[in-house]
Amino acid sequence: MHLYDVLRDERDFKISVNQRTFFHEPLFPILELVLCCQQWLRSADVDFVYSTLESEDNPLLALRRSKGGWRIKSAWQKFECDTVFSDNDVQDFVRSIVSQVVV
């Protein structure tokens, strides 16, 4: 294995909302997302927006503050999600991404 292979770690990544698949990508640049998550957790009062050079369609994942909470969006989303998430929901979600990858 080469260093480039480690840095280009791509994994199956899926987000489900209310038992529906909102987002699924089998070759997702997960380390890039983890870095974005870690940076966002240091200042979690701003929108979370993850974009990558790996895709022409961006953002791949966005959690934007809206009236009453947070909304999820993605250029690759499978459906329009009307669910509004709390601050705790969003922070727990972002932390879970990091904890599942960083061991």
PDB file of N, CA and C in Angstrom:
ATOM      1  N   MET A   1       0.851  -1.179   0.000  1.00  0.00           N
ATOM      2  CA  MET A   1       0.000   0.000   0.000  1.00  0.00           C
ATOM      3  C   MET A   1       0.890   1.233   0.000  1.00  0.00           C
ATOM      4  N   HIS A   2       0.541   2.186  -0.819  1.00  0.00           N
ATOM      5  CA  HIS A   2       1.289   3.436  -0.917  1.00  0.00           C
ATOM      6  C   HIS A   2       0.596   4.528  -0.102  1.00  0.00           C
ATOM      7  N   LEU A   3       1.347   5.569   0.239  1.00  0.00           N
ATOM      8  CA  LEU A   3       0.793   6.692   0.989  1.00  0.00           C
ATOM      9  C   LEU A   3      -0.399   7.284   0.251  1.00  0.00           C
ATOM     10  N   TYR A   4      -0.313   7.384  -1.062  1.00  0.00           N
ATOM     11  CA  TYR A   4      -1.417   7.934  -1.854  1.00  0.00           C
ATOM     12  C   TYR A   4      -2.690   7.123  -1.636  1.00  0.00           C
ATOM     13  N   ASP A   5      -2.571   5.811  -1.516  1.00  0.00           N
ATOM     14  CA  ASP A   5      -3.739   4.953  -1.296  1.00  0.00           C
ATOM     15  C   ASP A   5      -4.386   5.242   0.059  1.00  0.00           C
ATOM     16  N   VAL A   6      -3.569   5.523   1.055  1.00  0.00           N
ATOM     17  CA  VAL A   6      -4.101   5.841   2.377  1.00  0.00           C
ATOM     18  C   VAL A   6      -4.819   7.183   2.343  1.00  0.00           C
ATOM     19  N   LEU A   7      -4.204   8.172   1.727  1.00  0.00           N
ATOM     20  CA  LEU A   7      -4.804   9.504   1.664  1.00  0.00           C
ATOM     21  C   LEU A   7      -6.078   9.528   0.828  1.00  0.00           C
ATOM     22  N   ARG A   8      -6.189   8.615  -0.101  1.00  0.00           N
ATOM     23  CA  ARG A   8      -7.346   8.542  -0.981  1.00  0.00           C
ATOM     24  C   ARG A   8      -8.347   7.498  -0.495  1.00  0.00           C
ATOM     25  N   ASP A   9      -8.386   7.293   0.779  1.00  0.00           N
ATOM     26  CA  ASP A   9      -9.284   6.307   1.382  1.00  0.00           C
ATOM     27  C   ASP A   9     -10.730   6.620   1.004  1.00  0.00           C
ATOM     28  N   GLU A  10     -11.338   5.724   0.258  1.00  0.00           N
ATOM     29  CA  GLU A  10     -12.730   5.876  -0.146  1.00  0.00           C
ATOM     30  C   GLU A  10     -13.532   4.740   0.467  1.00  0.00           C
ATOM     31  N   ARG A  11     -14.667   5.077   1.033  1.00  0.00           N
ATOM     32  CA  ARG A  11     -15.483   4.083   1.709  1.00  0.00           C
ATOM     33  C   ARG A  11     -16.952   4.249   1.344  1.00  0.00           C
ATOM     34  N   ASP A  12     -17.676   3.195   1.629  1.00  0.00           N
ATOM     35  CA  ASP A  12     -19.118   3.237   1.453  1.00  0.00           C
ATOM     36  C   ASP A  12     -19.694   4.174   2.518  1.00  0.00           C
ATOM     37  N   PHE A  13     -20.439   5.178   2.091  1.00  0.00           N
ATOM     38  CA  PHE A  13     -20.983   6.175   3.009  1.00  0.00           C
ATOM     39  C   PHE A  13     -22.463   6.354   2.716  1.00  0.00           C
ATOM     40  N   LYS A  14     -23.257   6.219   3.772  1.00  0.00           N
ATOM     41  CA  LYS A  14     -24.706   6.285   3.618  1.00  0.00           C
ATOM     42  C   LYS A  14     -25.304   7.098   4.751  1.00  0.00           C
ATOM     43  N   ILE A  15     -26.257   7.968   4.412  1.00  0.00           N
ATOM     44  CA  ILE A  15     -26.997   8.731   5.405  1.00  0.00           C
ATOM     45  C   ILE A  15     -28.466   8.353   5.255  1.00  0.00           C
ATOM     46  N   SER A  16     -29.061   7.939   6.361  1.00  0.00           N
ATOM     47  CA  SER A  16     -30.491   7.620   6.364  1.00  0.00           C
ATOM     48  C   SER A  16     -31.214   8.612   7.265  1.00  0.00           C
ATOM     49  N   VAL A  17     -32.384   9.032   6.823  1.00  0.00           N
ATOM     50  CA  VAL A  17     -33.236   9.915   7.607  1.00  0.00           C
ATOM     51  C   VAL A  17     -34.597   9.247   7.698  1.00  0.00           C
ATOM     52  N   ASN A  18     -35.032   8.988   8.918  1.00  0.00           N
ATOM     53  CA  ASN A  18     -36.317   8.309   9.137  1.00  0.00           C
ATOM     54  C   ASN A  18     -36.414   7.018   8.328  1.00  0.00           C
ATOM     55  N   GLN A  19     -35.364   6.235   8.365  1.00  0.00           N
ATOM     56  CA  GLN A  19     -35.249   4.931   7.702  1.00  0.00           C
ATOM     57  C   GLN A  19     -35.318   5.000   6.173  1.00  0.00           C
ATOM     58  N   ARG A  20     -35.099   6.172   5.610  1.00  0.00           N
ATOM     59  CA  ARG A  20     -35.010   6.325   4.151  1.00  0.00           C
ATOM     60  C   ARG A  20     -33.588   6.733   3.803  1.00  0.00           C
ATOM     61  N   THR A  21     -33.060   6.175   2.726  1.00  0.00           N
ATOM     62  CA  THR A  21     -31.711   6.528   2.298  1.00  0.00           C
ATOM     63  C   THR A  21     -31.736   7.909   1.670  1.00  0.00           C
ATOM     64  N   PHE A  22     -31.113   8.854   2.369  1.00  0.00           N
ATOM     65  CA  PHE A  22     -31.019  10.228   1.882  1.00  0.00           C
ATOM     66  C   PHE A  22     -29.841  10.382   0.922  1.00  0.00           C
ATOM     67  N   PHE A  23     -28.746   9.689   1.249  1.00  0.00           N
ATOM     68  CA  PHE A  23     -27.498   9.822   0.494  1.00  0.00           C
ATOM     69  C   PHE A  23     -26.778   8.484   0.544  1.00  0.00           C
ATOM     70  N   HIS A  24     -26.235   8.066  -0.591  1.00  0.00           N
ATOM     71  CA  HIS A  24     -25.420   6.856  -0.592  1.00  0.00           C
ATOM     72  C   HIS A  24     -24.383   6.958  -1.700  1.00  0.00           C
ATOM     73  N   GLU A  25     -23.135   6.731  -1.323  1.00  0.00           N
ATOM     74  CA  GLU A  25     -22.034   6.725  -2.285  1.00  0.00           C
ATOM     75  C   GLU A  25     -21.051   5.631  -1.859  1.00  0.00           C
ATOM     76  N   PRO A  26     -20.863   4.614  -2.696  1.00  0.00           N
ATOM     77  CA  PRO A  26     -19.975   3.507  -2.324  1.00  0.00           C
ATOM     78  C   PRO A  26     -18.486   3.864  -2.311  1.00  0.00           C
ATOM     79  N   LEU A  27     -18.079   4.897  -3.029  1.00  0.00           N
ATOM     80  CA  LEU A  27     -16.665   5.299  -3.064  1.00  0.00           C
ATOM     81  C   LEU A  27     -16.544   6.760  -2.628  1.00  0.00           C
ATOM     82  N   PHE A  28     -16.791   6.989  -1.370  1.00  0.00           N
ATOM     83  CA  PHE A  28     -16.832   8.344  -0.828  1.00  0.00           C
ATOM     84  C   PHE A  28     -15.481   8.721  -0.213  1.00  0.00           C
ATOM     85  N   PRO A  29     -14.964   9.926  -0.491  1.00  0.00           N
ATOM     86  CA  PRO A  29     -13.671  10.364   0.083  1.00  0.00           C
ATOM     87  C   PRO A  29     -13.815  10.687   1.573  1.00  0.00           C
ATOM     88  N   ILE A  30     -13.811   9.664   2.383  1.00  0.00           N
ATOM     89  CA  ILE A  30     -14.183   9.783   3.791  1.00  0.00           C
ATOM     90  C   ILE A  30     -13.195  10.593   4.632  1.00  0.00           C
ATOM     91  N   LEU A  31     -11.904  10.498   4.353  1.00  0.00           N
ATOM     92  CA  LEU A  31     -10.935  11.245   5.169  1.00  0.00           C
ATOM     93  C   LEU A  31     -11.093  12.748   4.995  1.00  0.00           C
ATOM     94  N   GLU A  32     -11.414  13.158   3.800  1.00  0.00           N
ATOM     95  CA  GLU A  32     -11.685  14.576   3.539  1.00  0.00           C
ATOM     96  C   GLU A  32     -12.883  15.045   4.364  1.00  0.00           C
ATOM     97  N   LEU A  33     -13.929  14.212   4.389  1.00  0.00           N
ATOM     98  CA  LEU A  33     -15.119  14.548   5.168  1.00  0.00           C
ATOM     99  C   LEU A  33     -14.788  14.614   6.653  1.00  0.00           C
ATOM    100  N   VAL A  34     -14.014  13.672   7.157  1.00  0.00           N
ATOM    101  CA  VAL A  34     -13.641  13.667   8.579  1.00  0.00           C
ATOM    102  C   VAL A  34     -12.893  14.944   8.940  1.00  0.00           C
ATOM    103  N   LEU A  35     -11.977  15.371   8.103  1.00  0.00           N
ATOM    104  CA  LEU A  35     -11.245  16.616   8.351  1.00  0.00           C
ATOM    105  C   LEU A  35     -12.212  17.794   8.426  1.00  0.00           C
ATOM    106  N   CYS A  36     -13.151  17.859   7.512  1.00  0.00           N
ATOM    107  CA  CYS A  36     -14.157  18.917   7.518  1.00  0.00           C
ATOM    108  C   CYS A  36     -14.990  18.860   8.802  1.00  0.00           C
ATOM    109  N   CYS A  37     -15.359  17.675   9.220  1.00  0.00           N
ATOM    110  CA  CYS A  37     -16.128  17.491  10.458  1.00  0.00           C
ATOM    111  C   CYS A  37     -15.348  18.005  11.671  1.00  0.00           C
ATOM    112  N   GLN A  38     -14.083  17.635  11.752  1.00  0.00           N
ATOM    113  CA  GLN A  38     -13.256  18.055  12.884  1.00  0.00           C
ATOM    114  C   GLN A  38     -13.129  19.580  12.926  1.00  0.00           C
ATOM    115  N   GLN A  39     -12.948  20.194  11.766  1.00  0.00           N
ATOM    116  CA  GLN A  39     -12.853  21.658  11.711  1.00  0.00           C
ATOM    117  C   GLN A  39     -14.168  22.297  12.139  1.00  0.00           C
ATOM    118  N   TRP A  40     -15.274  21.746  11.682  1.00  0.00           N
ATOM    119  CA  TRP A  40     -16.588  22.311  12.011  1.00  0.00           C
ATOM    120  C   TRP A  40     -16.881  22.185  13.504  1.00  0.00           C
ATOM    121  N   LEU A  41     -16.507  21.087  14.110  1.00  0.00           N
ATOM    122  CA  LEU A  41     -16.778  20.882  15.536  1.00  0.00           C
ATOM    123  C   LEU A  41     -16.097  21.931  16.415  1.00  0.00           C
ATOM    124  N   ARG A  42     -15.035  22.529  15.928  1.00  0.00           N
ATOM    125  CA  ARG A  42     -14.352  23.586  16.680  1.00  0.00           C
ATOM    126  C   ARG A  42     -15.145  24.898  16.659  1.00  0.00           C
ATOM    127  N   SER A  43     -16.046  25.053  15.683  1.00  0.00           N
ATOM    128  CA  SER A  43     -16.865  26.273  15.593  1.00  0.00           C
ATOM    129  C   SER A  43     -18.250  25.903  15.068  1.00  0.00           C
ATOM    130  N   ALA A  44     -18.961  25.107  15.841  1.00  0.00           N
ATOM    131  CA  ALA A  44     -20.217  24.501  15.397  1.00  0.00           C
ATOM    132  C   ALA A  44     -21.393  25.475  15.292  1.00  0.00           C
ATOM    133  N   ASP A  45     -21.127  26.763  15.373  1.00  0.00           N
ATOM    134  CA  ASP A  45     -22.217  27.735  15.267  1.00  0.00           C
ATOM    135  C   ASP A  45     -22.419  28.225  13.831  1.00  0.00           C
ATOM    136  N   VAL A  46     -21.674  27.668  12.883  1.00  0.00           N
ATOM    137  CA  VAL A  46     -21.803  28.034  11.469  1.00  0.00           C
ATOM    138  C   VAL A  46     -22.351  26.841  10.686  1.00  0.00           C
ATOM    139  N   ASP A  47     -22.829  27.103   9.473  1.00  0.00           N
ATOM    140  CA  ASP A  47     -23.298  26.009   8.626  1.00  0.00           C
ATOM    141  C   ASP A  47     -22.168  25.033   8.348  1.00  0.00           C
ATOM    142  N   PHE A  48     -22.522  23.763   8.252  1.00  0.00           N
ATOM    143  CA  PHE A  48     -21.566  22.723   7.874  1.00  0.00           C
ATOM    144  C   PHE A  48     -21.720  22.516   6.368  1.00  0.00           C
ATOM    145  N   VAL A  49     -20.639  22.741   5.635  1.00  0.00           N
ATOM    146  CA  VAL A  49     -20.686  22.563   4.184  1.00  0.00           C
ATOM    147  C   VAL A  49     -19.441  21.789   3.761  1.00  0.00           C
ATOM    148  N   TYR A  50     -19.679  20.606   3.186  1.00  0.00           N
ATOM    149  CA  TYR A  50     -18.578  19.778   2.704  1.00  0.00           C
ATOM    150  C   TYR A  50     -18.638  19.691   1.181  1.00  0.00           C
ATOM    151  N   SER A  51     -17.615  20.212   0.540  1.00  0.00           N
ATOM    152  CA  SER A  51     -17.446  20.131  -0.911  1.00  0.00           C
ATOM    153  C   SER A  51     -16.101  19.488  -1.194  1.00  0.00           C
ATOM    154  N   THR A  52     -15.968  18.896  -2.370  1.00  0.00           N
ATOM    155  CA  THR A  52     -14.718  18.230  -2.722  1.00  0.00           C
ATOM    156  C   THR A  52     -14.375  18.467  -4.182  1.00  0.00           C
ATOM    157  N   LEU A  53     -13.089  18.443  -4.463  1.00  0.00           N
ATOM    158  CA  LEU A  53     -12.638  18.530  -5.853  1.00  0.00           C
ATOM    159  C   LEU A  53     -12.916  17.240  -6.604  1.00  0.00           C
ATOM    160  N   GLU A  54     -13.214  16.173  -5.855  1.00  0.00           N
ATOM    161  CA  GLU A  54     -13.500  14.868  -6.456  1.00  0.00           C
ATOM    162  C   GLU A  54     -14.809  14.872  -7.247  1.00  0.00           C
ATOM    163  N   SER A  55     -15.641  15.880  -7.032  1.00  0.00           N
ATOM    164  CA  SER A  55     -16.960  15.923  -7.654  1.00  0.00           C
ATOM    165  C   SER A  55     -17.217  17.279  -8.307  1.00  0.00           C
ATOM    166  N   GLU A  56     -17.906  17.253  -9.418  1.00  0.00           N
ATOM    167  CA  GLU A  56     -18.351  18.496 -10.048  1.00  0.00           C
ATOM    168  C   GLU A  56     -19.605  19.011  -9.365  1.00  0.00           C
ATOM    169  N   ASP A  57     -20.342  18.118  -8.699  1.00  0.00           N
ATOM    170  CA  ASP A  57     -21.577  18.468  -7.995  1.00  0.00           C
ATOM    171  C   ASP A  57     -21.265  18.699  -6.525  1.00  0.00           C
ATOM    172  N   ASN A  58     -21.508  19.897  -6.048  1.00  0.00           N
ATOM    173  CA  ASN A  58     -21.232  20.241  -4.659  1.00  0.00           C
ATOM    174  C   ASN A  58     -22.327  21.153  -4.123  1.00  0.00           C
ATOM    175  N   PRO A  59     -22.497  21.222  -2.820  1.00  0.00           N
ATOM    176  CA  PRO A  59     -21.794  20.463  -1.797  1.00  0.00           C
ATOM    177  C   PRO A  59     -22.299  19.027  -1.724  1.00  0.00           C
ATOM    178  N   LEU A  60     -21.403  18.128  -1.351  1.00  0.00           N
ATOM    179  CA  LEU A  60     -21.810  16.740  -1.172  1.00  0.00           C
ATOM    180  C   LEU A  60     -22.635  16.576   0.094  1.00  0.00           C
ATOM    181  N   LEU A  61     -22.360  17.416   1.071  1.00  0.00           N
ATOM    182  CA  LEU A  61     -23.138  17.387   2.309  1.00  0.00           C
ATOM    183  C   LEU A  61     -23.170  18.791   2.903  1.00  0.00           C
ATOM    184  N   ALA A  62     -24.369  19.246   3.220  1.00  0.00           N
ATOM    185  CA  ALA A  62     -24.523  20.546   3.875  1.00  0.00           C
ATOM    186  C   ALA A  62     -25.569  20.423   4.974  1.00  0.00           C
ATOM    187  N   LEU A  63     -25.249  20.967   6.117  1.00  0.00           N
ATOM    188  CA  LEU A  63     -26.183  21.091   7.230  1.00  0.00           C
ATOM    189  C   LEU A  63     -26.295  22.587   7.485  1.00  0.00           C
ATOM    190  N   ARG A  64     -27.456  23.124   7.146  1.00  0.00           N
ATOM    191  CA  ARG A  64     -27.626  24.579   7.208  1.00  0.00           C
ATOM    192  C   ARG A  64     -28.656  24.948   8.277  1.00  0.00           C
ATOM    193  N   ARG A  65     -28.283  25.988   9.012  1.00  0.00           N
ATOM    194  CA  ARG A  65     -29.177  26.502  10.037  1.00  0.00           C
ATOM    195  C   ARG A  65     -30.400  27.111   9.345  1.00  0.00           C
ATOM    196  N   SER A  66     -31.561  26.799   9.875  1.00  0.00           N
ATOM    197  CA  SER A  66     -32.790  27.372   9.343  1.00  0.00           C
ATOM    198  C   SER A  66     -33.725  27.675  10.502  1.00  0.00           C
ATOM    199  N   LYS A  67     -34.882  28.172  10.191  1.00  0.00           N
ATOM    200  CA  LYS A  67     -35.856  28.495  11.231  1.00  0.00           C
ATOM    201  C   LYS A  67     -36.186  27.237  12.044  1.00  0.00           C
ATOM    202  N   GLY A  68     -35.867  27.279  13.312  1.00  0.00           N
ATOM    203  CA  GLY A  68     -36.210  26.172  14.200  1.00  0.00           C
ATOM    204  C   GLY A  68     -35.201  25.041  14.271  1.00  0.00           C
ATOM    205  N   GLY A  69     -34.083  25.126  13.568  1.00  0.00           N
ATOM    206  CA  GLY A  69     -33.090  24.052  13.634  1.00  0.00           C
ATOM    207  C   GLY A  69     -32.186  23.997  12.427  1.00  0.00           C
ATOM    208  N   TRP A  70     -31.875  22.785  12.000  1.00  0.00           N
ATOM    209  CA  TRP A  70     -30.940  22.558  10.903  1.00  0.00           C
ATOM    210  C   TRP A  70     -31.608  21.706   9.823  1.00  0.00           C
ATOM    211  N   ARG A  71     -31.234  21.940   8.577  1.00  0.00           N
ATOM    212  CA  ARG A  71     -31.724  21.136   7.459  1.00  0.00           C
ATOM    213  C   ARG A  71     -30.531  20.525   6.730  1.00  0.00           C
ATOM    214  N   ILE A  72     -30.755  19.345   6.179  1.00  0.00           N
ATOM    215  CA  ILE A  72     -29.704  18.626   5.457  1.00  0.00           C
ATOM    216  C   ILE A  72     -29.948  18.732   3.958  1.00  0.00           C
ATOM    217  N   LYS A  73     -28.862  18.914   3.211  1.00  0.00           N
ATOM    218  CA  LYS A  73     -28.917  19.007   1.752  1.00  0.00           C
ATOM    219  C   LYS A  73     -27.696  18.305   1.177  1.00  0.00           C
ATOM    220  N   SER A  74     -27.820  17.873  -0.067  1.00  0.00           N
ATOM    221  CA  SER A  74     -26.691  17.298  -0.790  1.00  0.00           C
ATOM    222  C   SER A  74     -26.968  17.383  -2.282  1.00  0.00           C
ATOM    223  N   ALA A  75     -25.914  17.610  -3.038  1.00  0.00           N
ATOM    224  CA  ALA A  75     -26.050  17.588  -4.498  1.00  0.00           C
ATOM    225  C   ALA A  75     -26.455  16.198  -4.974  1.00  0.00           C
ATOM    226  N   TRP A  76     -26.181  15.184  -4.186  1.00  0.00           N
ATOM    227  CA  TRP A  76     -26.491  13.797  -4.555  1.00  0.00           C
ATOM    228  C   TRP A  76     -27.635  13.211  -3.735  1.00  0.00           C
ATOM    229  N   GLN A  77     -28.429  14.035  -3.109  1.00  0.00           N
ATOM    230  CA  GLN A  77     -29.505  13.523  -2.262  1.00  0.00           C
ATOM    231  C   GLN A  77     -30.540  12.759  -3.080  1.00  0.00           C
ATOM    232  N   LYS A  78     -31.146  11.775  -2.431  1.00  0.00           N
ATOM    233  CA  LYS A  78     -32.133  10.913  -3.085  1.00  0.00           C
ATOM    234  C   LYS A  78     -33.546  11.449  -2.934  1.00  0.00           C
ATOM    235  N   PHE A  79     -33.755  12.329  -1.971  1.00  0.00           N
ATOM    236  CA  PHE A  79     -35.061  12.962  -1.793  1.00  0.00           C
ATOM    237  C   PHE A  79     -34.880  14.284  -1.055  1.00  0.00           C
ATOM    238  N   GLU A  80     -35.860  15.142  -1.162  1.00  0.00           N
ATOM    239  CA  GLU A  80     -35.869  16.416  -0.449  1.00  0.00           C
ATOM    240  C   GLU A  80     -36.271  16.135   0.993  1.00  0.00           C
ATOM    241  N   CYS A  81     -35.405  16.456   1.924  1.00  0.00           N
ATOM    242  CA  CYS A  81     -35.643  16.160   3.334  1.00  0.00           C
ATOM    243  C   CYS A  81     -36.244  17.382   4.029  1.00  0.00           C
ATOM    244  N   ASP A  82     -37.435  17.206   4.576  1.00  0.00           N
ATOM    245  CA  ASP A  82     -38.113  18.284   5.289  1.00  0.00           C
ATOM    246  C   ASP A  82     -37.882  18.243   6.792  1.00  0.00           C
ATOM    247  N   THR A  83     -37.178  17.232   7.254  1.00  0.00           N
ATOM    248  CA  THR A  83     -36.918  17.089   8.685  1.00  0.00           C
ATOM    249  C   THR A  83     -36.029  18.231   9.164  1.00  0.00           C
ATOM    250  N   VAL A  84     -36.385  18.800  10.291  1.00  0.00           N
ATOM    251  CA  VAL A  84     -35.572  19.841  10.921  1.00  0.00           C
ATOM    252  C   VAL A  84     -34.887  19.195  12.124  1.00  0.00           C
ATOM    253  N   PHE A  85     -33.570  19.331  12.188  1.00  0.00           N
ATOM    254  CA  PHE A  85     -32.758  18.689  13.223  1.00  0.00           C
ATOM    255  C   PHE A  85     -32.336  19.708  14.276  1.00  0.00           C
ATOM    256  N   SER A  86     -32.204  19.236  15.515  1.00  0.00           N
ATOM    257  CA  SER A  86     -31.763  20.101  16.614  1.00  0.00           C
ATOM    258  C   SER A  86     -30.246  20.286  16.567  1.00  0.00           C
ATOM    259  N   ASP A  87     -29.750  21.231  17.354  1.00  0.00           N
ATOM    260  CA  ASP A  87     -28.298  21.435  17.481  1.00  0.00           C
ATOM    261  C   ASP A  87     -27.630  20.138  17.935  1.00  0.00           C
ATOM    262  N   ASN A  88     -28.219  19.490  18.939  1.00  0.00           N
ATOM    263  CA  ASN A  88     -27.643  18.238  19.455  1.00  0.00           C
ATOM    264  C   ASN A  88     -27.624  17.148  18.396  1.00  0.00           C
ATOM    265  N   ASP A  89     -28.711  17.020  17.620  1.00  0.00           N
ATOM    266  CA  ASP A  89     -28.760  16.021  16.539  1.00  0.00           C
ATOM    267  C   ASP A  89     -27.605  16.219  15.572  1.00  0.00           C
ATOM    268  N   VAL A  90     -27.395  17.453  15.160  1.00  0.00           N
ATOM    269  CA  VAL A  90     -26.357  17.753  14.166  1.00  0.00           C
ATOM    270  C   VAL A  90     -24.971  17.507  14.748  1.00  0.00           C
ATOM    271  N   GLN A  91     -24.730  17.979  15.948  1.00  0.00           N
ATOM    272  CA  GLN A  91     -23.415  17.764  16.558  1.00  0.00           C
ATOM    273  C   GLN A  91     -23.147  16.279  16.777  1.00  0.00           C
ATOM    274  N   ASP A  92     -24.149  15.539  17.224  1.00  0.00           N
ATOM    275  CA  ASP A  92     -23.980  14.088  17.414  1.00  0.00           C
ATOM    276  C   ASP A  92     -23.702  13.389  16.092  1.00  0.00           C
ATOM    277  N   PHE A  93     -24.392  13.789  15.037  1.00  0.00           N
ATOM    278  CA  PHE A  93     -24.183  13.210  13.711  1.00  0.00           C
ATOM    279  C   PHE A  93     -22.751  13.449  13.222  1.00  0.00           C
ATOM    280  N   VAL A  94     -22.288  14.681  13.332  1.00  0.00           N
ATOM    281  CA  VAL A  94     -20.935  15.023  12.875  1.00  0.00           C
ATOM    282  C   VAL A  94     -19.894  14.291  13.720  1.00  0.00           C
ATOM    283  N   ARG A  95     -20.099  14.238  15.025  1.00  0.00           N
ATOM    284  CA  ARG A  95     -19.170  13.490  15.895  1.00  0.00           C
ATOM    285  C   ARG A  95     -19.150  12.003  15.539  1.00  0.00           C
ATOM    286  N   SER A  96     -20.305  11.458  15.189  1.00  0.00           N
ATOM    287  CA  SER A  96     -20.359  10.015  14.858  1.00  0.00           C
ATOM    288  C   SER A  96     -19.584   9.713  13.586  1.00  0.00           C
ATOM    289  N   ILE A  97     -19.576  10.631  12.638  1.00  0.00           N
ATOM    290  CA  ILE A  97     -18.780  10.437  11.420  1.00  0.00           C
ATOM    291  C   ILE A  97     -17.312  10.300  11.809  1.00  0.00           C
ATOM    292  N   VAL A  98     -16.848  11.220  12.639  1.00  0.00           N
ATOM    293  CA  VAL A  98     -15.447  11.201  13.067  1.00  0.00           C
ATOM    294  C   VAL A  98     -15.131   9.944  13.853  1.00  0.00           C
ATOM    295  N   SER A  99     -15.980   9.594  14.811  1.00  0.00           N
ATOM    296  CA  SER A  99     -15.681   8.450  15.672  1.00  0.00           C
ATOM    297  C   SER A  99     -15.714   7.123  14.936  1.00  0.00           C
ATOM    298  N   GLN A 100     -16.498   7.017  13.883  1.00  0.00           N
ATOM    299  CA  GLN A 100     -16.556   5.764  13.125  1.00  0.00           C
ATOM    300  C   GLN A 100     -15.343   5.573  12.224  1.00  0.00           C
ATOM    301  N   VAL A 101     -14.635   6.645  11.928  1.00  0.00           N
ATOM    302  CA  VAL A 101     -13.482   6.545  11.035  1.00  0.00           C
ATOM    303  C   VAL A 101     -12.171   6.631  11.801  1.00  0.00           C
ATOM    304  N   VAL A 102     -12.086   7.552  12.752  1.00  0.00           N
ATOM    305  CA  VAL A 102     -10.863   7.753  13.521  1.00  0.00           C
ATOM    306  C   VAL A 102     -10.886   6.813  14.710  1.00  0.00           C
ATOM    307  N   VAL A 103      -9.977   5.866  14.725  1.00  0.00           N
ATOM    308  CA  VAL A 103      -9.927   4.874  15.811  1.00  0.00           C
ATOM    309  C   VAL A 103      -8.686   5.071  16.641  1.00  0.00           C
TER     310      VAL A 103
END
